[in-house]
Full PDB file with SEQRES, HELIX, SHEET, SSBOND, CRYST1, ORIGX, SCALE, CONECT and MASTER records, all heavy atoms in Angstrom:
SEQRES   1 A   33  SER GLY GLY THR LEU ASP ASP TYR ALA VAL ASN TRP PHE          
SEQRES   2 A   33  ARG GLN ALA PRO GLY LYS GLU ARG GLU GLY VAL SER CYS          
SEQRES   3 A   33  PHE THR ARG ASN ARG ASP ILE                                  
HELIX    1 AA1 LEU A    5  ASP A    7  5                                   3    
SHEET    1 AA1 2 VAL A  10  ARG A  14  0                                        
SHEET    2 AA1 2 GLU A  22  PHE A  27 -1                                        
CRYST1    1.000    1.000    1.000  90.00  90.00  90.00 P 1           1          
ORIGX1      1.000000  0.000000  0.000000        0.00000                         
ORIGX2      0.000000  1.000000  0.000000        0.00000                         
ORIGX3      0.000000  0.000000  1.000000        0.00000                         
SCALE1      1.000000  0.000000  0.000000        0.00000                         
SCALE2      0.000000  1.000000  0.000000        0.00000                         
SCALE3      0.000000  0.000000  1.000000        0.00000                         
ATOM      1  N   SER A   1    -156.810  29.507 -38.116  1.00  0.00           N  
ATOM      2  CA  SER A   1    -157.789  30.549 -37.890  1.00  0.00           C  
ATOM      3  C   SER A   1    -158.591  30.128 -36.646  1.00  0.00           C  
ATOM      4  O   SER A   1    -158.727  28.970 -36.344  1.00  0.00           O  
ATOM      5  CB  SER A   1    -158.530  30.863 -39.113  1.00  0.00           C  
ATOM      6  OG  SER A   1    -159.346  29.738 -39.465  1.00  0.00           O  
ATOM      7  N   GLY A   2    -159.201  31.142 -35.905  1.00  0.00           N  
ATOM      8  CA  GLY A   2    -159.946  30.822 -34.799  1.00  0.00           C  
ATOM      9  C   GLY A   2    -159.118  30.433 -33.642  1.00  0.00           C  
ATOM     10  O   GLY A   2    -159.647  29.899 -32.685  1.00  0.00           O  
ATOM     11  N   GLY A   3    -157.816  30.760 -33.617  1.00  0.00           N  
ATOM     12  CA  GLY A   3    -156.806  30.288 -32.602  1.00  0.00           C  
ATOM     13  C   GLY A   3    -155.478  30.447 -33.126  1.00  0.00           C  
ATOM     14  O   GLY A   3    -155.244  30.879 -34.249  1.00  0.00           O  
ATOM     15  N   THR A   4    -154.473  30.046 -32.281  1.00  0.00           N  
ATOM     16  CA  THR A   4    -153.172  30.088 -32.686  1.00  0.00           C  
ATOM     17  C   THR A   4    -152.504  28.709 -32.590  1.00  0.00           C  
ATOM     18  O   THR A   4    -152.679  27.987 -31.583  1.00  0.00           O  
ATOM     19  CB  THR A   4    -152.362  31.175 -31.859  1.00  0.00           C  
ATOM     20  OG1 THR A   4    -150.913  31.017 -32.043  1.00  0.00           O  
ATOM     21  CG2 THR A   4    -152.616  30.954 -30.425  1.00  0.00           C  
ATOM     22  N   LEU A   5    -151.593  28.424 -33.434  1.00  0.00           N  
ATOM     23  CA  LEU A   5    -150.885  27.156 -33.408  1.00  0.00           C  
ATOM     24  C   LEU A   5    -149.904  27.073 -32.199  1.00  0.00           C  
ATOM     25  O   LEU A   5    -149.369  25.999 -31.891  1.00  0.00           O  
ATOM     26  CB  LEU A   5    -150.099  26.895 -34.751  1.00  0.00           C  
ATOM     27  CG  LEU A   5    -151.009  26.663 -35.932  1.00  0.00           C  
ATOM     28  CD1 LEU A   5    -150.001  26.690 -37.184  1.00  0.00           C  
ATOM     29  CD2 LEU A   5    -151.730  25.495 -35.882  1.00  0.00           C  
ATOM     30  N   ASP A   6    -149.604  28.233 -31.614  1.00  0.00           N  
ATOM     31  CA  ASP A   6    -148.811  28.216 -30.415  1.00  0.00           C  
ATOM     32  C   ASP A   6    -149.377  27.465 -29.320  1.00  0.00           C  
ATOM     33  O   ASP A   6    -148.607  26.876 -28.420  1.00  0.00           O  
ATOM     34  CB  ASP A   6    -148.603  29.656 -29.916  1.00  0.00           C  
ATOM     35  CG  ASP A   6    -147.659  30.433 -30.769  1.00  0.00           C  
ATOM     36  OD1 ASP A   6    -146.897  29.888 -31.508  1.00  0.00           O  
ATOM     37  OD2 ASP A   6    -147.611  31.721 -30.603  1.00  0.00           O  
ATOM     38  N   ASP A   7    -150.659  27.190 -29.285  1.00  0.00           N  
ATOM     39  CA  ASP A   7    -151.329  26.494 -28.237  1.00  0.00           C  
ATOM     40  C   ASP A   7    -151.384  24.973 -28.394  1.00  0.00           C  
ATOM     41  O   ASP A   7    -151.933  24.282 -27.639  1.00  0.00           O  
ATOM     42  CB  ASP A   7    -152.696  26.943 -28.082  1.00  0.00           C  
ATOM     43  CG  ASP A   7    -152.722  28.458 -27.537  1.00  0.00           C  
ATOM     44  OD1 ASP A   7    -151.749  28.854 -26.949  1.00  0.00           O  
ATOM     45  OD2 ASP A   7    -153.794  29.171 -27.770  1.00  0.00           O  
ATOM     46  N   TYR A   8    -150.814  24.457 -29.584  1.00  0.00           N  
ATOM     47  CA  TYR A   8    -151.045  23.127 -30.004  1.00  0.00           C  
ATOM     48  C   TYR A   8    -149.731  22.414 -30.380  1.00  0.00           C  
ATOM     49  O   TYR A   8    -148.875  23.049 -30.921  1.00  0.00           O  
ATOM     50  CB  TYR A   8    -152.051  22.976 -31.014  1.00  0.00           C  
ATOM     51  CG  TYR A   8    -153.331  23.593 -30.668  1.00  0.00           C  
ATOM     52  CD1 TYR A   8    -153.679  24.915 -31.029  1.00  0.00           C  
ATOM     53  CD2 TYR A   8    -154.327  22.792 -29.947  1.00  0.00           C  
ATOM     54  CE1 TYR A   8    -154.923  25.453 -30.669  1.00  0.00           C  
ATOM     55  CE2 TYR A   8    -155.644  23.391 -29.632  1.00  0.00           C  
ATOM     56  CZ  TYR A   8    -155.900  24.675 -29.994  1.00  0.00           C  
ATOM     57  OH  TYR A   8    -157.158  25.240 -29.726  1.00  0.00           O  
ATOM     58  N   ALA A   9    -149.774  21.137 -30.201  1.00  0.00           N  
ATOM     59  CA  ALA A   9    -148.746  20.310 -30.974  1.00  0.00           C  
ATOM     60  C   ALA A   9    -149.385  20.180 -32.360  1.00  0.00           C  
ATOM     61  O   ALA A   9    -150.624  20.151 -32.593  1.00  0.00           O  
ATOM     62  CB  ALA A   9    -148.764  18.873 -30.336  1.00  0.00           C  
ATOM     63  N   VAL A  10    -148.479  20.156 -33.304  1.00  0.00           N  
ATOM     64  CA  VAL A  10    -148.887  20.007 -34.738  1.00  0.00           C  
ATOM     65  C   VAL A  10    -148.233  18.757 -35.382  1.00  0.00           C  
ATOM     66  O   VAL A  10    -147.038  18.719 -35.399  1.00  0.00           O  
ATOM     67  CB  VAL A  10    -148.503  21.385 -35.525  1.00  0.00           C  
ATOM     68  CG1 VAL A  10    -148.881  21.144 -37.027  1.00  0.00           C  
ATOM     69  CG2 VAL A  10    -149.201  22.543 -34.876  1.00  0.00           C  
ATOM     70  N   ASN A  11    -149.100  18.060 -35.953  1.00  0.00           N  
ATOM     71  CA  ASN A  11    -148.534  16.877 -36.693  1.00  0.00           C  
ATOM     72  C   ASN A  11    -148.943  16.906 -38.151  1.00  0.00           C  
ATOM     73  O   ASN A  11    -149.861  17.593 -38.525  1.00  0.00           O  
ATOM     74  CB  ASN A  11    -149.093  15.556 -36.147  1.00  0.00           C  
ATOM     75  CG  ASN A  11    -148.734  15.205 -34.804  1.00  0.00           C  
ATOM     76  OD1 ASN A  11    -147.927  15.964 -34.141  1.00  0.00           O  
ATOM     77  ND2 ASN A  11    -149.228  14.096 -34.264  1.00  0.00           N  
ATOM     78  N   TRP A  12    -148.047  16.271 -39.056  1.00  0.00           N  
ATOM     79  CA  TRP A  12    -148.386  16.175 -40.409  1.00  0.00           C  
ATOM     80  C   TRP A  12    -148.725  14.670 -40.715  1.00  0.00           C  
ATOM     81  O   TRP A  12    -147.998  13.790 -40.144  1.00  0.00           O  
ATOM     82  CB  TRP A  12    -147.261  16.577 -41.272  1.00  0.00           C  
ATOM     83  CG  TRP A  12    -147.072  18.009 -41.422  1.00  0.00           C  
ATOM     84  CD1 TRP A  12    -146.295  18.871 -40.562  1.00  0.00           C  
ATOM     85  CD2 TRP A  12    -147.694  18.990 -42.311  1.00  0.00           C  
ATOM     86  NE1 TRP A  12    -146.432  20.204 -40.975  1.00  0.00           N  
ATOM     87  CE2 TRP A  12    -147.316  20.256 -42.020  1.00  0.00           C  
ATOM     88  CE3 TRP A  12    -148.642  18.831 -43.354  1.00  0.00           C  
ATOM     89  CZ2 TRP A  12    -147.675  21.390 -42.717  1.00  0.00           C  
ATOM     90  CZ3 TRP A  12    -149.077  19.874 -44.036  1.00  0.00           C  
ATOM     91  CH2 TRP A  12    -148.577  21.163 -43.738  1.00  0.00           C  
ATOM     92  N   PHE A  13    -149.693  14.493 -41.600  1.00  0.00           N  
ATOM     93  CA  PHE A  13    -150.018  13.104 -42.021  1.00  0.00           C  
ATOM     94  C   PHE A  13    -150.143  13.154 -43.457  1.00  0.00           C  
ATOM     95  O   PHE A  13    -150.284  14.249 -44.150  1.00  0.00           O  
ATOM     96  CB  PHE A  13    -151.434  12.723 -41.342  1.00  0.00           C  
ATOM     97  CG  PHE A  13    -151.480  12.671 -39.882  1.00  0.00           C  
ATOM     98  CD1 PHE A  13    -151.604  13.782 -39.091  1.00  0.00           C  
ATOM     99  CD2 PHE A  13    -151.214  11.460 -39.266  1.00  0.00           C  
ATOM    100  CE1 PHE A  13    -151.635  13.763 -37.729  1.00  0.00           C  
ATOM    101  CE2 PHE A  13    -151.206  11.399 -37.834  1.00  0.00           C  
ATOM    102  CZ  PHE A  13    -151.441  12.583 -37.045  1.00  0.00           C  
ATOM    103  N   ARG A  14    -150.232  12.020 -44.058  1.00  0.00           N  
ATOM    104  CA  ARG A  14    -150.424  11.905 -45.485  1.00  0.00           C  
ATOM    105  C   ARG A  14    -151.279  10.577 -45.858  1.00  0.00           C  
ATOM    106  O   ARG A  14    -151.188   9.686 -44.974  1.00  0.00           O  
ATOM    107  CB  ARG A  14    -149.174  11.866 -46.277  1.00  0.00           C  
ATOM    108  CG  ARG A  14    -148.267  10.639 -46.079  1.00  0.00           C  
ATOM    109  CD  ARG A  14    -146.953  10.820 -46.813  1.00  0.00           C  
ATOM    110  NE  ARG A  14    -146.038   9.669 -46.664  1.00  0.00           N  
ATOM    111  CZ  ARG A  14    -144.805   9.663 -47.186  1.00  0.00           C  
ATOM    112  NH1 ARG A  14    -144.286  10.687 -47.819  1.00  0.00           N  
ATOM    113  NH2 ARG A  14    -144.026   8.520 -46.927  1.00  0.00           N  
ATOM    114  N   GLN A  15    -151.978  10.647 -46.903  1.00  0.00           N  
ATOM    115  CA  GLN A  15    -152.679   9.521 -47.364  1.00  0.00           C  
ATOM    116  C   GLN A  15    -152.574   9.401 -48.892  1.00  0.00           C  
ATOM    117  O   GLN A  15    -153.051  10.277 -49.533  1.00  0.00           O  
ATOM    118  CB  GLN A  15    -154.141   9.604 -46.912  1.00  0.00           C  
ATOM    119  CG  GLN A  15    -154.934   8.263 -47.140  1.00  0.00           C  
ATOM    120  CD  GLN A  15    -156.245   8.160 -46.319  1.00  0.00           C  
ATOM    121  OE1 GLN A  15    -156.786   9.192 -45.909  1.00  0.00           O  
ATOM    122  NE2 GLN A  15    -156.721   6.983 -46.185  1.00  0.00           N  
ATOM    123  N   ALA A  16    -152.056   8.297 -49.303  1.00  0.00           N  
ATOM    124  CA  ALA A  16    -151.974   8.051 -50.733  1.00  0.00           C  
ATOM    125  C   ALA A  16    -153.163   7.312 -51.139  1.00  0.00           C  
ATOM    126  O   ALA A  16    -153.864   6.640 -50.436  1.00  0.00           O  
ATOM    127  CB  ALA A  16    -150.752   7.239 -51.030  1.00  0.00           C  
ATOM    128  N   PRO A  17    -153.553   7.439 -52.433  1.00  0.00           N  
ATOM    129  CA  PRO A  17    -154.689   6.708 -52.914  1.00  0.00           C  
ATOM    130  C   PRO A  17    -154.647   5.221 -52.741  1.00  0.00           C  
ATOM    131  O   PRO A  17    -153.654   4.553 -52.922  1.00  0.00           O  
ATOM    132  CB  PRO A  17    -154.752   6.970 -54.440  1.00  0.00           C  
ATOM    133  CG  PRO A  17    -153.935   8.249 -54.534  1.00  0.00           C  
ATOM    134  CD  PRO A  17    -152.866   8.183 -53.435  1.00  0.00           C  
ATOM    135  N   GLY A  18    -155.743   4.686 -52.042  1.00  0.00           N  
ATOM    136  CA  GLY A  18    -155.823   3.323 -51.803  1.00  0.00           C  
ATOM    137  C   GLY A  18    -154.984   2.859 -50.531  1.00  0.00           C  
ATOM    138  O   GLY A  18    -154.852   1.598 -50.399  1.00  0.00           O  
ATOM    139  N   LYS A  19    -154.405   3.789 -49.882  1.00  0.00           N  
ATOM    140  CA  LYS A  19    -153.582   3.348 -48.701  1.00  0.00           C  
ATOM    141  C   LYS A  19    -154.123   4.034 -47.471  1.00  0.00           C  
ATOM    142  O   LYS A  19    -154.863   4.985 -47.508  1.00  0.00           O  
ATOM    143  CB  LYS A  19    -152.083   3.827 -49.007  1.00  0.00           C  
ATOM    144  CG  LYS A  19    -151.434   3.070 -50.111  1.00  0.00           C  
ATOM    145  CD  LYS A  19    -149.908   3.391 -50.171  1.00  0.00           C  
ATOM    146  CE  LYS A  19    -149.245   2.523 -51.249  1.00  0.00           C  
ATOM    147  NZ  LYS A  19    -147.744   2.795 -51.242  1.00  0.00           N  
ATOM    148  N   GLU A  20    -153.639   3.491 -46.283  1.00  0.00           N  
ATOM    149  CA  GLU A  20    -154.032   4.019 -45.100  1.00  0.00           C  
ATOM    150  C   GLU A  20    -153.247   5.332 -44.769  1.00  0.00           C  
ATOM    151  O   GLU A  20    -152.174   5.568 -45.335  1.00  0.00           O  
ATOM    152  CB  GLU A  20    -153.788   2.975 -43.995  1.00  0.00           C  
ATOM    153  CG  GLU A  20    -154.643   1.798 -43.976  1.00  0.00           C  
ATOM    154  CD  GLU A  20    -154.475   0.882 -42.854  1.00  0.00           C  
ATOM    155  OE1 GLU A  20    -153.639   1.178 -41.929  1.00  0.00           O  
ATOM    156  OE2 GLU A  20    -155.128  -0.121 -42.749  1.00  0.00           O  
ATOM    157  N   ARG A  21    -153.886   6.112 -43.922  1.00  0.00           N  
ATOM    158  CA  ARG A  21    -153.157   7.335 -43.515  1.00  0.00           C  
ATOM    159  C   ARG A  21    -151.940   7.101 -42.759  1.00  0.00           C  
ATOM    160  O   ARG A  21    -151.925   6.133 -41.964  1.00  0.00           O  
ATOM    161  CB  ARG A  21    -154.122   8.232 -42.655  1.00  0.00           C  
ATOM    162  CG  ARG A  21    -153.600   9.452 -42.109  1.00  0.00           C  
ATOM    163  CD  ARG A  21    -154.670  10.167 -41.433  1.00  0.00           C  
ATOM    164  NE  ARG A  21    -155.151   9.458 -40.264  1.00  0.00           N  
ATOM    165  CZ  ARG A  21    -156.275   9.809 -39.629  1.00  0.00           C  
ATOM    166  NH1 ARG A  21    -157.012  10.768 -39.984  1.00  0.00           N  
ATOM    167  NH2 ARG A  21    -156.681   9.033 -38.596  1.00  0.00           N  
ATOM    168  N   GLU A  22    -150.923   7.847 -43.017  1.00  0.00           N  
ATOM    169  CA  GLU A  22    -149.596   7.649 -42.421  1.00  0.00           C  
ATOM    170  C   GLU A  22    -149.137   8.965 -41.691  1.00  0.00           C  
ATOM    171  O   GLU A  22    -149.282  10.024 -42.254  1.00  0.00           O  
ATOM    172  CB  GLU A  22    -148.558   7.331 -43.443  1.00  0.00           C  
ATOM    173  CG  GLU A  22    -147.141   7.131 -43.010  1.00  0.00           C  
ATOM    174  CD  GLU A  22    -146.148   7.002 -44.143  1.00  0.00           C  
ATOM    175  OE1 GLU A  22    -146.420   7.343 -45.268  1.00  0.00           O  
ATOM    176  OE2 GLU A  22    -145.072   6.651 -43.833  1.00  0.00           O  
ATOM    177  N   GLY A  23    -148.702   8.732 -40.458  1.00  0.00           N  
ATOM    178  CA  GLY A  23    -148.114   9.895 -39.767  1.00  0.00           C  
ATOM    179  C   GLY A  23    -146.830  10.227 -40.297  1.00  0.00           C  
ATOM    180  O   GLY A  23    -145.979   9.325 -40.528  1.00  0.00           O  
ATOM    181  N   VAL A  24    -146.545  11.461 -40.608  1.00  0.00           N  
ATOM    182  CA  VAL A  24    -145.243  11.859 -41.147  1.00  0.00           C  
ATOM    183  C   VAL A  24    -144.370  12.554 -40.204  1.00  0.00           C  
ATOM    184  O   VAL A  24    -143.230  12.218 -40.160  1.00  0.00           O  
ATOM    185  CB  VAL A  24    -145.624  12.928 -42.344  1.00  0.00           C  
ATOM    186  CG1 VAL A  24    -144.278  13.568 -42.933  1.00  0.00           C  
ATOM    187  CG2 VAL A  24    -146.447  12.243 -43.465  1.00  0.00           C  
ATOM    188  N   SER A  25    -144.987  13.392 -39.326  1.00  0.00           N  
ATOM    189  CA  SER A  25    -144.100  14.148 -38.463  1.00  0.00           C  
ATOM    190  C   SER A  25    -144.847  14.609 -37.181  1.00  0.00           C  
ATOM    191  O   SER A  25    -146.195  14.707 -37.275  1.00  0.00           O  
ATOM    192  CB  SER A  25    -143.367  15.384 -39.018  1.00  0.00           C  
ATOM    193  OG  SER A  25    -144.300  16.289 -39.323  1.00  0.00           O  
ATOM    194  N   CYS A  26    -144.287  14.795 -36.106  1.00  0.00           N  
ATOM    195  CA  CYS A  26    -144.818  15.416 -34.948  1.00  0.00           C  
ATOM    196  C   CYS A  26    -144.033  16.472 -34.354  1.00  0.00           C  
ATOM    197  O   CYS A  26    -142.797  16.405 -34.409  1.00  0.00           O  
ATOM    198  CB  CYS A  26    -145.150  14.300 -33.901  1.00  0.00           C  
ATOM    199  SG  CYS A  26    -143.777  13.363 -33.371  1.00  0.00           S  
ATOM    200  N   PHE A  27    -144.649  17.457 -33.764  1.00  0.00           N  
ATOM    201  CA  PHE A  27    -143.903  18.720 -33.374  1.00  0.00           C  
ATOM    202  C   PHE A  27    -144.720  19.121 -32.116  1.00  0.00           C  
ATOM    203  O   PHE A  27    -145.833  19.525 -32.171  1.00  0.00           O  
ATOM    204  CB  PHE A  27    -144.167  19.695 -34.471  1.00  0.00           C  
ATOM    205  CG  PHE A  27    -143.263  20.924 -34.499  1.00  0.00           C  
ATOM    206  CD1 PHE A  27    -142.060  20.962 -33.714  1.00  0.00           C  
ATOM    207  CD2 PHE A  27    -143.630  22.046 -35.242  1.00  0.00           C  
ATOM    208  CE1 PHE A  27    -141.274  22.021 -33.759  1.00  0.00           C  
ATOM    209  CE2 PHE A  27    -142.764  23.111 -35.265  1.00  0.00           C  
ATOM    210  CZ  PHE A  27    -141.615  23.186 -34.525  1.00  0.00           C  
ATOM    211  N   THR A  28    -144.069  18.971 -31.013  1.00  0.00           N  
ATOM    212  CA  THR A  28    -144.754  19.237 -29.729  1.00  0.00           C  
ATOM    213  C   THR A  28    -145.108  20.789 -29.562  1.00  0.00           C  
ATOM    214  O   THR A  28    -144.510  21.572 -30.252  1.00  0.00           O  
ATOM    215  CB  THR A  28    -143.890  18.774 -28.571  1.00  0.00           C  
ATOM    216  OG1 THR A  28    -142.612  19.461 -28.611  1.00  0.00           O  
ATOM    217  CG2 THR A  28    -143.712  17.317 -28.502  1.00  0.00           C  
ATOM    218  N   ARG A  29    -145.959  20.989 -28.632  1.00  0.00           N  
ATOM    219  CA  ARG A  29    -146.442  22.421 -28.418  1.00  0.00           C  
ATOM    220  C   ARG A  29    -145.254  23.277 -28.043  1.00  0.00           C  
ATOM    221  O   ARG A  29    -145.182  24.445 -28.417  1.00  0.00           O  
ATOM    222  CB  ARG A  29    -147.492  22.366 -27.351  1.00  0.00           C  
ATOM    223  CG  ARG A  29    -147.961  23.809 -26.941  1.00  0.00           C  
ATOM    224  CD  ARG A  29    -148.837  23.772 -25.764  1.00  0.00           C  
ATOM    225  NE  ARG A  29    -149.149  25.103 -25.308  1.00  0.00           N  
ATOM    226  CZ  ARG A  29    -149.943  25.439 -24.250  1.00  0.00           C  
ATOM    227  NH1 ARG A  29    -150.485  24.475 -23.592  1.00  0.00           N  
ATOM    228  NH2 ARG A  29    -150.129  26.631 -23.944  1.00  0.00           N  
ATOM    229  N   ASN A  30    -144.331  22.792 -27.159  1.00  0.00           N  
ATOM    230  CA  ASN A  30    -143.188  23.598 -26.754  1.00  0.00           C  
ATOM    231  C   ASN A  30    -142.148  23.586 -27.858  1.00  0.00           C  
ATOM    232  O   ASN A  30    -141.081  24.354 -27.664  1.00  0.00           O  
ATOM    233  CB  ASN A  30    -142.612  23.021 -25.471  1.00  0.00           C  
ATOM    234  CG  ASN A  30    -143.581  23.217 -24.292  1.00  0.00           C  
ATOM    235  OD1 ASN A  30    -144.300  24.150 -24.231  1.00  0.00           O  
ATOM    236  ND2 ASN A  30    -143.436  22.343 -23.319  1.00  0.00           N  
ATOM    237  N   ARG A  31    -142.313  22.875 -28.939  1.00  0.00           N  
ATOM    238  CA  ARG A  31    -141.420  22.800 -30.053  1.00  0.00           C  
ATOM    239  C   ARG A  31    -140.036  22.272 -29.599  1.00  0.00           C  
ATOM    240  O   ARG A  31    -139.025  22.616 -30.254  1.00  0.00           O  
ATOM    241  CB  ARG A  31    -141.259  24.206 -30.640  1.00  0.00           C  
ATOM    242  CG  ARG A  31    -142.520  25.027 -30.954  1.00  0.00           C  
ATOM    243  CD  ARG A  31    -143.431  24.225 -31.712  1.00  0.00           C  
ATOM    244  NE  ARG A  31    -144.773  24.951 -31.895  1.00  0.00           N  
ATOM    245  CZ  ARG A  31    -145.960  24.385 -32.122  1.00  0.00           C  
ATOM    246  NH1 ARG A  31    -146.119  23.107 -32.187  1.00  0.00           N  
ATOM    247  NH2 ARG A  31    -147.032  25.242 -32.280  1.00  0.00           N  
ATOM    248  N   ASP A  32    -140.078  21.485 -28.483  1.00  0.00           N  
ATOM    249  CA  ASP A  32    -138.810  20.887 -28.072  1.00  0.00           C  
ATOM    250  C   ASP A  32    -138.576  19.452 -28.501  1.00  0.00           C  
ATOM    251  O   ASP A  32    -137.480  18.958 -28.358  1.00  0.00           O  
ATOM    252  CB  ASP A  32    -138.752  20.951 -26.519  1.00  0.00           C  
ATOM    253  CG  ASP A  32    -139.885  20.217 -25.807  1.00  0.00           C  
ATOM    254  OD1 ASP A  32    -140.924  19.974 -26.523  1.00  0.00           O  
ATOM    255  OD2 ASP A  32    -139.860  20.049 -24.648  1.00  0.00           O  
ATOM    256  N   ILE A  33    -139.530  18.910 -29.103  1.00  0.00           N  
ATOM    257  CA  ILE A  33    -139.459  17.567 -29.620  1.00  0.00           C  
ATOM    258  C   ILE A  33    -140.039  17.512 -31.036  1.00  0.00           C  
ATOM    259  O   ILE A  33    -141.185  17.969 -31.236  1.00  0.00           O  
ATOM    260  CB  ILE A  33    -140.178  16.474 -28.751  1.00  0.00           C  
ATOM    261  CG1 ILE A  33    -139.647  16.629 -27.317  1.00  0.00           C  
ATOM    262  CG2 ILE A  33    -140.049  15.121 -29.306  1.00  0.00           C  
ATOM    263  CD1 ILE A  33    -140.414  15.629 -26.313  1.00  0.00           C  
TER     264      ILE A  33                                                      
MASTER        0    0    0    1    2    0    0    6  263    1    0    3          
END                                                                             
């Protein structure tokens, strides 16, 4: 909200209890990578 995801790269991360945050996926703005 307050904008559109079309303008951004979007990544997913996760963090398990007691563990450091981990990058799960990356998705470029152009959706080509």
